[in-house]
């Protein structure tokens, strides 16, 4: 057995007023200003000096291929 409790039953008038005020501020902040808009200029400056993970992408392929072949040989031989 359990007790069903209404979510608003334990709220005071002050809590309801604070909640309404916070909701109004959130709506005002999301509607106005440039908070949600960006031209990604900061991101471009950040990404400008980054480089790729390796200068030898073929080396990664060779290492993976060699590992797979070695694992297959060891699996079938042993």
Protein backbone atom coordinates (compact mmCIF):
# COMPACT_ATOMS: atom_id res chain seq x y z
CA UNK A 1 0.00 0.00 0.00
CA UNK A 2 1.19 3.48 -0.69
CA UNK A 3 0.16 7.06 -0.29
CA UNK A 4 -0.45 9.13 -3.39
CA UNK A 5 0.86 12.64 -2.95
CA UNK A 6 0.01 15.51 -5.24
CA UNK A 7 3.14 17.38 -6.30
CA UNK A 8 1.69 20.79 -5.54
CA UNK A 9 0.22 19.81 -2.19
CA UNK A 10 3.40 20.56 -0.25
CA UNK A 11 4.23 23.84 -1.97
CA UNK A 12 3.80 27.15 -0.31
CA UNK A 13 2.76 30.34 -2.03
CA UNK A 14 6.36 31.57 -1.81
CA UNK A 15 7.65 28.48 -3.61
CA UNK A 16 5.06 28.86 -6.33
CA UNK A 17 5.98 32.55 -6.76
CA UNK A 18 9.69 31.71 -6.95
CA UNK A 19 9.00 28.99 -9.51
CA UNK A 20 6.92 31.34 -11.65
CA UNK A 21 9.64 34.00 -11.45
CA UNK A 22 12.36 31.56 -12.47
CA UNK A 23 10.26 30.30 -15.38
CA UNK A 24 9.68 33.86 -16.56
CA UNK A 25 13.40 34.63 -16.38
CA UNK A 26 14.24 31.44 -18.30
CA UNK A 27 11.75 32.31 -21.04
CA UNK A 28 13.06 35.87 -21.23
CA UNK A 29 16.65 34.66 -21.45
CA UNK A 30 15.85 32.16 -24.20
CA UNK A 31 13.83 34.61 -26.30
CA UNK A 32 16.04 37.66 -26.28
CA UNK A 33 19.68 38.42 -26.81
CA UNK A 34 22.33 36.50 -28.66
CA UNK A 35 22.62 33.74 -26.08
CA UNK A 36 21.66 30.98 -28.51
CA UNK A 37 23.24 32.49 -31.60
CA UNK A 38 26.90 32.24 -32.47
CA UNK A 39 29.07 32.60 -35.52
CA UNK A 40 31.57 30.03 -34.21
CA UNK A 41 34.41 32.54 -34.50
CA UNK A 42 35.91 31.35 -31.24
CA UNK A 43 35.78 27.76 -32.43
CA UNK A 44 37.55 28.63 -35.68
CA UNK A 45 40.36 30.32 -33.80
CA UNK A 46 40.68 27.31 -31.52
CA UNK A 47 40.72 24.81 -34.38
CA UNK A 48 43.16 26.81 -36.48
CA UNK A 49 46.31 25.48 -34.78
CA UNK A 50 45.16 21.89 -34.31
CA UNK A 51 46.66 19.17 -36.45
CA UNK A 52 45.71 15.63 -37.27
CA UNK A 53 46.44 12.74 -34.94
CA UNK A 54 49.31 11.47 -37.04
CA UNK A 55 51.32 12.46 -40.07
CA UNK A 56 51.32 8.83 -41.22
CA UNK A 57 47.75 7.57 -41.61
CA UNK A 58 49.01 4.62 -43.61
CA UNK A 59 51.12 3.54 -40.63
CA UNK A 60 48.01 3.00 -38.52
CA UNK A 61 46.53 0.83 -41.29
CA UNK A 62 49.72 -1.26 -41.55
CA UNK A 63 49.87 -1.78 -37.79
CA UNK A 64 46.22 -2.85 -37.59
CA UNK A 65 46.58 -5.18 -40.58
CA UNK A 66 49.74 -6.73 -39.14
CA UNK A 67 48.03 -7.25 -35.78
CA UNK A 68 45.05 -8.96 -37.37
CA UNK A 69 47.25 -11.23 -39.51
CA UNK A 70 49.45 -12.11 -36.53
CA UNK A 71 46.40 -12.88 -34.39
CA UNK A 72 44.95 -15.10 -37.14
CA UNK A 73 48.26 -16.96 -37.55
CA UNK A 74 48.59 -17.51 -33.82
CA UNK A 75 44.97 -18.65 -33.57
CA UNK A 76 45.33 -21.25 -36.33
CA UNK A 77 48.85 -22.42 -35.41
CA UNK A 78 48.38 -22.81 -31.67
